[in-house]
Amino acid sequence: MVTLSAVSFGQKLVYCEIVGREWAGSTVQNPERKMVMYLDFGQIEPIPEFYQNYKFQYDKKISTLESMVDALNYMTSEGWEFVSSNVYQKGGQGLFAFSVYKYLMVKKF
């Protein structure tokens, strides 16, 4: 029987979520864009230097993109693989309602 694990041949799987929040209407804080995106690498303690470098590079790029598909295309071009997605509604109805989109990604380091 062969068992596969997250760490094999010196490579480690790292997971990341692309998180996007789309407001029902524009807000005072963000009048030009309805979609706000960021990356969630989870809580890694202590944070290895290579994680910090990648997180800074990716966060900087993701914050300039216009849609979740743009973010997905960017991350796959950087070698990340799509795993799954979720979407849910928060905040009730009207101006304060927003949708949250999450794309789970994985990459071998």
Protein backbone atom coordinates (compact mmCIF):
# COMPACT_ATOMS: atom_id res chain seq x y z
CA MET A 1 0.00 0.00 0.00
CA VAL A 2 1.31 3.45 -0.95
CA THR A 3 0.59 6.40 1.34
CA LEU A 4 0.94 9.96 0.10
CA SER A 5 1.54 12.84 2.47
CA ALA A 6 1.74 16.62 2.23
CA VAL A 7 5.53 16.44 2.51
CA SER A 8 7.28 14.31 -0.08
CA PHE A 9 10.74 14.46 -1.60
CA GLY A 10 11.56 17.70 0.25
CA GLN A 11 8.52 19.55 -1.06
CA LYS A 12 5.83 20.98 1.16
CA LEU A 13 2.24 21.77 0.16
CA VAL A 14 1.23 25.31 1.09
CA TYR A 15 -2.43 26.33 1.03
CA CYS A 16 -3.75 29.81 0.42
CA GLU A 17 -7.20 31.34 0.09
CA ILE A 18 -8.06 34.15 -2.27
CA VAL A 19 -10.78 36.04 -0.39
CA GLY A 20 -12.97 38.59 -2.15
CA ARG A 21 -15.66 40.78 -0.63
CA GLU A 22 -18.15 42.35 -2.99
CA TRP A 23 -20.43 45.02 -1.54
CA ALA A 24 -24.00 45.43 -2.75
CA GLY A 25 -23.19 49.12 -3.30
CA SER A 26 -20.06 51.21 -3.28
CA THR A 27 -18.90 52.52 0.09
CA VAL A 28 -17.30 55.69 1.36
CA GLN A 29 -14.03 53.78 1.99
CA ASN A 30 -14.00 52.24 -1.48
CA PRO A 31 -16.20 54.26 -3.88
CA GLU A 32 -14.51 53.17 -7.12
CA ARG A 33 -14.37 49.41 -6.62
CA LYS A 34 -16.99 47.09 -5.25
CA MET A 35 -14.60 44.11 -4.94
CA VAL A 36 -11.90 44.03 -2.26
CA MET A 37 -9.51 41.05 -2.37
CA TYR A 38 -6.75 39.70 -0.16
CA LEU A 39 -4.86 36.45 0.44
CA ASP A 40 -5.13 34.31 3.56
CA PHE A 41 -2.13 32.07 4.24
CA GLY A 42 -3.38 31.16 7.72
CA GLN A 43 -1.40 31.48 10.92
CA ILE A 44 2.16 30.30 10.48
CA GLU A 45 4.32 30.82 13.59
CA PRO A 46 7.11 31.70 13.37
CA ILE A 47 6.67 33.04 9.84
CA PRO A 48 9.48 31.73 7.59
CA GLU A 49 11.18 34.39 5.45
CA PHE A 50 10.14 32.83 2.14
CA TYR A 51 6.45 32.98 3.23
CA GLN A 52 6.83 36.67 4.04
CA ASN A 53 8.38 37.38 0.63
CA TYR A 54 5.70 35.49 -1.29
CA LYS A 55 2.86 36.94 0.78
CA PHE A 56 4.07 40.50 0.17
CA GLN A 57 4.52 39.90 -3.57
CA TYR A 58 1.12 38.24 -4.00
CA ASP A 59 -0.81 40.66 -1.74
CA LYS A 60 0.59 43.64 -3.62
CA LYS A 61 -0.57 42.23 -6.97
CA ILE A 62 -3.95 40.91 -5.77
CA SER A 63 -4.93 44.31 -4.34
CA THR A 64 -4.65 45.86 -7.84
CA LEU A 65 -6.86 43.32 -9.63
CA GLU A 66 -10.50 43.92 -10.52
CA SER A 67 -12.13 40.50 -10.12
CA MET A 68 -11.81 37.08 -8.52
CA VAL A 69 -11.16 35.57 -11.95
CA ASP A 70 -8.26 38.00 -12.44
CA ALA A 71 -6.88 36.84 -9.08
CA LEU A 72 -7.38 33.17 -9.98
CA ASN A 73 -5.63 33.64 -13.33
CA TYR A 74 -2.73 35.45 -11.64
CA MET A 75 -2.24 32.80 -8.94
CA THR A 76 -2.36 29.92 -11.45
CA SER A 77 0.23 31.74 -13.58
CA GLU A 78 2.42 31.75 -10.46
CA GLY A 79 2.17 27.95 -10.14
CA TRP A 80 -0.75 27.70 -7.67
CA GLU A 81 -3.45 25.10 -8.32
CA PHE A 82 -7.17 25.63 -7.73
CA VAL A 83 -8.67 23.27 -5.12
CA SER A 84 -12.20 24.49 -4.31
CA SER A 85 -14.43 27.54 -3.92
CA ASN A 86 -17.15 28.86 -1.64
CA VAL A 87 -19.43 31.88 -1.75
CA TYR A 88 -21.79 33.21 0.89
CA GLN A 89 -23.87 36.30 1.65
CA LYS A 90 -23.40 38.40 4.81
CA GLY A 91 -24.80 41.56 6.30
CA GLY A 92 -28.50 41.18 5.53
CA GLN A 93 -30.02 43.25 2.76
CA GLY A 94 -29.44 46.67 1.26
CA LEU A 95 -26.31 48.78 1.26
CA PHE A 96 -24.59 46.80 4.04
CA ALA A 97 -25.02 43.41 2.37
CA PHE A 98 -21.97 41.81 0.81
CA SER A 99 -20.89 38.54 -0.74
CA VAL A 100 -17.71 36.71 0.26
CA TYR A 101 -15.93 34.56 -2.32
CA LYS A 102 -13.18 32.15 -1.33
CA TYR A 103 -10.92 30.19 -3.67
CA LEU A 104 -8.66 27.62 -2.01
CA MET A 105 -5.29 27.26 -3.77
CA VAL A 106 -2.31 24.95 -3.22
CA LYS A 107 1.33 25.03 -4.30
CA LYS A 108 4.36 22.79 -3.71
CA PHE A 109 7.43 24.51 -2.26
